Amino acid sequence: MVGTCALLKVSESKFELGKMAVTEKVQGLKMGQQLVRAAIEKARRAGAAHLVLYSHRKLVPALHVYRKFGFQEVPCPANGYKRADYKMKLTLN
């Protein structure tokens, strides 16, 4: 196993991409991009209109990957995650 991610159903039209991580030995080999792509496709097939995620501003490489897929920063309200200070959203067609 080299990575993981979760797709959490928030509502009928909104899912959350969570628990996204890849092992250090494969970082930089685009495994994270493959996981994000797979999660986006699964959310689309499940009928999601929006995909959100919570992250931290210090995780610059991860934020770069999310932006490549079209995620955009949105206001980050209190969310129950101790280390999350950044929220992103992707509108699915």
C-alpha atoms as a PDB file:
ATOM      1  CA  MET A   1       0.000   0.000   0.000  1.00  0.00           C
ATOM      2  CA  VAL A   2       1.356   3.421  -0.967  1.00  0.00           C
ATOM      3  CA  GLY A   3      -1.549   5.743  -0.220  1.00  0.00           C
ATOM      4  CA  THR A   4      -5.072   6.198   0.988  1.00  0.00           C
ATOM      5  CA  CYS A   5      -8.034   8.516   0.809  1.00  0.00           C
ATOM      6  CA  ALA A   6     -11.647   8.490   1.932  1.00  0.00           C
ATOM      7  CA  LEU A   7     -14.769   9.753   0.239  1.00  0.00           C
ATOM      8  CA  LEU A   8     -17.339  10.787   2.845  1.00  0.00           C
ATOM      9  CA  LYS A   9     -20.965  11.479   1.959  1.00  0.00           C
ATOM     10  CA  VAL A  10     -21.960  14.804   3.560  1.00  0.00           C
ATOM     11  CA  SER A  11     -25.337  15.091   1.821  1.00  0.00           C
ATOM     12  CA  GLU A  12     -27.023  13.808  -1.340  1.00  0.00           C
ATOM     13  CA  SER A  13     -25.105  16.328  -3.429  1.00  0.00           C
ATOM     14  CA  LYS A  14     -21.918  16.905  -1.427  1.00  0.00           C
ATOM     15  CA  PHE A  15     -19.039  14.576  -0.580  1.00  0.00           C
ATOM     16  CA  GLU A  16     -15.823  15.203   1.345  1.00  0.00           C
ATOM     17  CA  LEU A  17     -12.388  14.012   0.298  1.00  0.00           C
ATOM     18  CA  GLY A  18     -10.722  12.967   3.533  1.00  0.00           C
ATOM     19  CA  LYS A  19      -7.750  11.087   4.945  1.00  0.00           C
ATOM     20  CA  MET A  20      -5.666  11.772   1.854  1.00  0.00           C
ATOM     21  CA  ALA A  21      -2.057  10.600   2.250  1.00  0.00           C
ATOM     22  CA  VAL A  22       0.747   8.829   0.407  1.00  0.00           C
ATOM     23  CA  THR A  23       3.852   7.253   1.900  1.00  0.00           C
ATOM     24  CA  GLU A  24       7.065   9.253   1.813  1.00  0.00           C
ATOM     25  CA  LYS A  25       8.755   6.819  -0.544  1.00  0.00           C
ATOM     26  CA  VAL A  26       6.267   7.558  -3.357  1.00  0.00           C
ATOM     27  CA  GLN A  27       5.759  11.276  -2.788  1.00  0.00           C
ATOM     28  CA  GLY A  28       6.523  13.105  -6.003  1.00  0.00           C
ATOM     29  CA  LEU A  29       5.530  10.131  -8.168  1.00  0.00           C
ATOM     30  CA  LYS A  30       1.969  11.397  -8.783  1.00  0.00           C
ATOM     31  CA  MET A  31       0.298   8.749  -6.629  1.00  0.00           C
ATOM     32  CA  GLY A  32      -1.622  11.486  -4.824  1.00  0.00           C
ATOM     33  CA  GLN A  33      -2.919  12.728  -8.160  1.00  0.00           C
ATOM     34  CA  GLN A  34      -4.147   9.240  -9.008  1.00  0.00           C
ATOM     35  CA  LEU A  35      -6.002   9.044  -5.697  1.00  0.00           C
ATOM     36  CA  VAL A  36      -7.604  12.468  -6.186  1.00  0.00           C
ATOM     37  CA  ARG A  37      -8.642  11.584  -9.739  1.00  0.00           C
ATOM     38  CA  ALA A  38     -10.213   8.314  -8.559  1.00  0.00           C
ATOM     39  CA  ALA A  39     -12.083  10.058  -5.729  1.00  0.00           C
ATOM     40  CA  ILE A  40     -13.441  12.720  -8.096  1.00  0.00           C
ATOM     41  CA  GLU A  41     -14.698  10.074 -10.517  1.00  0.00           C
ATOM     42  CA  LYS A  42     -16.304   8.038  -7.740  1.00  0.00           C
ATOM     43  CA  ALA A  43     -18.033  11.156  -6.372  1.00  0.00           C
ATOM     44  CA  ARG A  44     -19.340  11.971  -9.857  1.00  0.00           C
ATOM     45  CA  ARG A  45     -20.694   8.447 -10.315  1.00  0.00           C
ATOM     46  CA  ALA A  46     -22.397   8.725  -6.922  1.00  0.00           C
ATOM     47  CA  GLY A  47     -24.200  11.879  -8.078  1.00  0.00           C
ATOM     48  CA  ALA A  48     -22.234  14.472  -6.129  1.00  0.00           C
ATOM     49  CA  ALA A  49     -22.483  18.081  -7.285  1.00  0.00           C
ATOM     50  CA  HIS A  50     -19.687  19.256  -4.980  1.00  0.00           C
ATOM     51  CA  LEU A  51     -16.570  17.782  -3.445  1.00  0.00           C
ATOM     52  CA  VAL A  52     -14.976  19.529  -0.461  1.00  0.00           C
ATOM     53  CA  LEU A  53     -11.814  18.928   1.527  1.00  0.00           C
ATOM     54  CA  TYR A  54     -10.122  20.311   4.600  1.00  0.00           C
ATOM     55  CA  SER A  55      -6.370  20.745   4.799  1.00  0.00           C
ATOM     56  CA  HIS A  56      -3.682  22.923   6.349  1.00  0.00           C
ATOM     57  CA  ARG A  57      -1.963  25.906   4.752  1.00  0.00           C
ATOM     58  CA  LYS A  58       1.468  24.410   5.465  1.00  0.00           C
ATOM     59  CA  LEU A  59       0.772  21.420   3.200  1.00  0.00           C
ATOM     60  CA  VAL A  60       1.789  23.326   0.080  1.00  0.00           C
ATOM     61  CA  PRO A  61       2.458  20.289  -2.165  1.00  0.00           C
ATOM     62  CA  ALA A  62      -0.968  18.826  -1.340  1.00  0.00           C
ATOM     63  CA  LEU A  63      -2.730  22.146  -1.964  1.00  0.00           C
ATOM     64  CA  HIS A  64      -0.927  22.367  -5.311  1.00  0.00           C
ATOM     65  CA  VAL A  65      -2.301  18.940  -6.305  1.00  0.00           C
ATOM     66  CA  TYR A  66      -5.841  19.922  -5.322  1.00  0.00           C
ATOM     67  CA  ARG A  67      -5.611  23.154  -7.321  1.00  0.00           C
ATOM     68  CA  LYS A  68      -4.462  21.182 -10.385  1.00  0.00           C
ATOM     69  CA  PHE A  69      -7.809  19.379 -10.273  1.00  0.00           C
ATOM     70  CA  GLY A  70      -9.793  22.595  -9.990  1.00  0.00           C
ATOM     71  CA  PHE A  71     -10.371  22.825  -6.240  1.00  0.00           C
ATOM     72  CA  GLN A  72     -10.699  26.412  -5.049  1.00  0.00           C
ATOM     73  CA  GLU A  73     -10.346  27.900  -1.592  1.00  0.00           C
ATOM     74  CA  VAL A  74     -13.600  28.713   0.202  1.00  0.00           C
ATOM     75  CA  PRO A  75     -14.156  30.101   3.714  1.00  0.00           C
ATOM     76  CA  CYS A  76     -13.160  27.593   6.376  1.00  0.00           C
ATOM     77  CA  PRO A  77     -15.570  27.624   9.305  1.00  0.00           C
ATOM     78  CA  ALA A  78     -14.991  25.637  12.491  1.00  0.00           C
ATOM     79  CA  ASN A  79     -15.026  22.052  11.295  1.00  0.00           C
ATOM     80  CA  GLY A  80     -14.082  19.636  14.050  1.00  0.00           C
ATOM     81  CA  TYR A  81     -10.626  18.934  12.600  1.00  0.00           C
ATOM     82  CA  LYS A  82      -7.884  20.154  14.951  1.00  0.00           C
ATOM     83  CA  ARG A  83      -5.276  20.713  12.233  1.00  0.00           C
ATOM     84  CA  ALA A  84      -7.479  21.958   9.382  1.00  0.00           C
ATOM     85  CA  ASP A  85      -7.368  25.682   8.649  1.00  0.00           C
ATOM     86  CA  TYR A  86      -8.044  25.571   4.915  1.00  0.00           C
ATOM     87  CA  LYS A  87     -11.128  24.425   2.996  1.00  0.00           C
ATOM     88  CA  MET A  88     -11.383  23.789  -0.728  1.00  0.00           C
ATOM     89  CA  LYS A  89     -14.327  22.994  -2.973  1.00  0.00           C
ATOM     90  CA  LEU A  90     -14.688  21.467  -6.421  1.00  0.00           C
ATOM     91  CA  THR A  91     -17.912  21.824  -8.381  1.00  0.00           C
ATOM     92  CA  LEU A  92     -18.567  18.668 -10.389  1.00  0.00           C
ATOM     93  CA  ASN A  93     -20.356  18.836 -13.730  1.00  0.00           C
END
